[in-house]
């Protein structure tokens, strides 16, 4: 965190240890810019790869969206919407993806 900016990433890779041809990669970088009154701008694309495929292995979305943390009674709830264009995708994958989230937050 630097001022109103929050940044980071989640990285995972899964392997099948039983000898089957399976390996999957996931990278989710995130960048939030916090605005006044609980609003924020955000991007958090989910980039994936299926390593065992010769082609159609990658999904690479680019985009972002916005959100707001709002209180319902004393409970903070995070509402967000994001849209992503898939610059790289499997042959039968969609051009666009959207994400709408509602998260209840339980701070200590």
Protein backbone atom coordinates (compact mmCIF):
# COMPACT_ATOMS: atom_id res chain seq x y z
CA UNK A 1 0.00 0.00 0.00
CA UNK A 2 1.24 3.44 -0.95
CA UNK A 3 -1.26 6.19 -0.15
CA UNK A 4 -4.51 5.38 -1.97
CA UNK A 5 -2.90 2.60 -4.07
CA UNK A 6 -3.07 -1.10 -3.15
CA UNK A 7 -1.19 -3.60 -5.35
CA UNK A 8 -0.22 -7.24 -5.27
CA UNK A 9 -0.59 -10.60 -6.98
CA UNK A 10 -1.66 -14.18 -6.44
CA UNK A 11 0.27 -16.90 -8.27
CA UNK A 12 -0.48 -20.63 -8.28
CA UNK A 13 0.56 -23.64 -10.33
CA UNK A 14 -1.01 -27.08 -9.96
CA UNK A 15 0.60 -30.36 -11.00
CA UNK A 16 -0.80 -33.86 -11.04
CA UNK A 17 1.65 -36.04 -9.11
CA UNK A 18 0.02 -39.31 -10.23
CA UNK A 19 1.58 -39.20 -13.69
CA UNK A 20 -1.36 -37.84 -15.67
CA UNK A 21 -0.60 -34.99 -18.04
CA UNK A 22 -2.04 -32.08 -16.09
CA UNK A 23 -0.51 -28.75 -15.14
CA UNK A 24 -2.38 -25.49 -14.68
CA UNK A 25 -1.07 -21.97 -13.98
CA UNK A 26 -2.95 -18.96 -12.55
CA UNK A 27 -1.74 -15.37 -12.12
CA UNK A 28 -4.01 -12.69 -10.66
CA UNK A 29 -2.33 -9.31 -10.30
CA UNK A 30 -4.44 -6.64 -8.65
CA UNK A 31 -4.30 -2.87 -8.50
CA UNK A 32 -6.80 -0.69 -6.60
CA UNK A 33 -6.94 3.08 -6.44
CA UNK A 34 -9.05 4.19 -3.48
CA UNK A 35 -11.29 7.22 -3.96
CA UNK A 36 -13.29 9.21 -1.37
CA UNK A 37 -16.52 7.90 0.20
CA UNK A 38 -15.67 4.19 -0.16
CA UNK A 39 -15.37 4.16 -3.97
CA UNK A 40 -12.39 2.64 -5.81
CA UNK A 41 -11.07 1.82 -9.29
CA UNK A 42 -9.68 -1.66 -9.74
CA UNK A 43 -8.20 -4.24 -12.06
CA UNK A 44 -7.63 -7.89 -11.20
CA UNK A 45 -7.47 -10.03 -14.33
CA UNK A 46 -7.23 -13.80 -13.90
CA UNK A 47 -4.56 -15.03 -16.33
CA UNK A 48 -4.46 -18.80 -16.82
CA UNK A 49 -2.46 -21.37 -18.78
CA UNK A 50 -2.89 -25.12 -19.33
CA UNK A 51 0.74 -26.22 -19.76
CA UNK A 52 -0.09 -29.63 -21.27
CA UNK A 53 -1.80 -28.06 -24.32
CA UNK A 54 0.18 -27.44 -27.51
CA UNK A 55 -2.16 -24.59 -28.48
CA UNK A 56 -5.10 -22.77 -26.88
CA UNK A 57 -3.22 -22.81 -23.59
CA UNK A 58 -3.57 -19.18 -22.47
CA UNK A 59 -6.38 -16.91 -21.33
CA UNK A 60 -5.15 -13.30 -20.93
CA UNK A 61 -7.82 -10.70 -20.07
CA UNK A 62 -7.23 -6.92 -19.96
CA UNK A 63 -9.62 -4.46 -18.34
CA UNK A 64 -10.90 -3.23 -15.02
CA UNK A 65 -13.79 -1.68 -13.19
CA UNK A 66 -14.98 0.02 -10.05
CA UNK A 67 -16.44 -0.73 -6.65
CA UNK A 68 -17.77 0.71 -3.43
CA UNK A 69 -17.63 -0.39 0.17
CA UNK A 70 -20.99 0.37 1.75
CA UNK A 71 -22.29 -0.31 5.26
CA UNK A 72 -25.47 -2.28 5.77
CA UNK A 73 -26.12 -1.58 9.43
CA UNK A 74 -22.69 -2.10 11.01
CA UNK A 75 -21.58 -4.66 8.40
CA UNK A 76 -19.29 -3.35 5.61
CA UNK A 77 -20.16 -4.86 2.23
CA UNK A 78 -17.99 -4.57 -0.88
CA UNK A 79 -19.82 -4.26 -4.23
CA UNK A 80 -17.73 -4.36 -7.41
CA UNK A 81 -18.04 -4.69 -11.18
CA UNK A 82 -15.26 -5.41 -13.69
CA UNK A 83 -15.15 -6.11 -17.44
CA UNK A 84 -12.25 -7.69 -19.33
CA UNK A 85 -11.43 -8.17 -23.01
CA UNK A 86 -9.59 -11.44 -23.65
CA UNK A 87 -6.55 -10.51 -25.77
CA UNK A 88 -5.46 -14.17 -25.80
CA UNK A 89 -7.97 -17.00 -25.43
CA UNK A 90 -8.67 -20.62 -26.33
CA UNK A 91 -10.25 -21.13 -29.77
CA UNK A 92 -13.78 -21.51 -28.37
CA UNK A 93 -13.39 -18.97 -25.57
CA UNK A 94 -15.39 -15.76 -25.32
CA UNK A 95 -14.06 -12.35 -26.30
CA UNK A 96 -15.27 -10.69 -23.08
CA UNK A 97 -15.77 -11.63 -19.45
CA UNK A 98 -17.47 -9.70 -16.66
CA UNK A 99 -17.38 -10.06 -12.90
CA UNK A 100 -19.89 -8.72 -10.39
CA UNK A 101 -19.07 -9.41 -6.73
CA UNK A 102 -20.73 -8.82 -3.40
CA UNK A 103 -18.47 -9.49 -0.40
CA UNK A 104 -19.40 -9.21 3.25
CA UNK A 105 -16.42 -7.94 5.24
CA UNK A 106 -15.75 -8.97 8.84
CA UNK A 107 -12.98 -6.71 10.17
CA UNK A 108 -11.60 -7.35 13.65
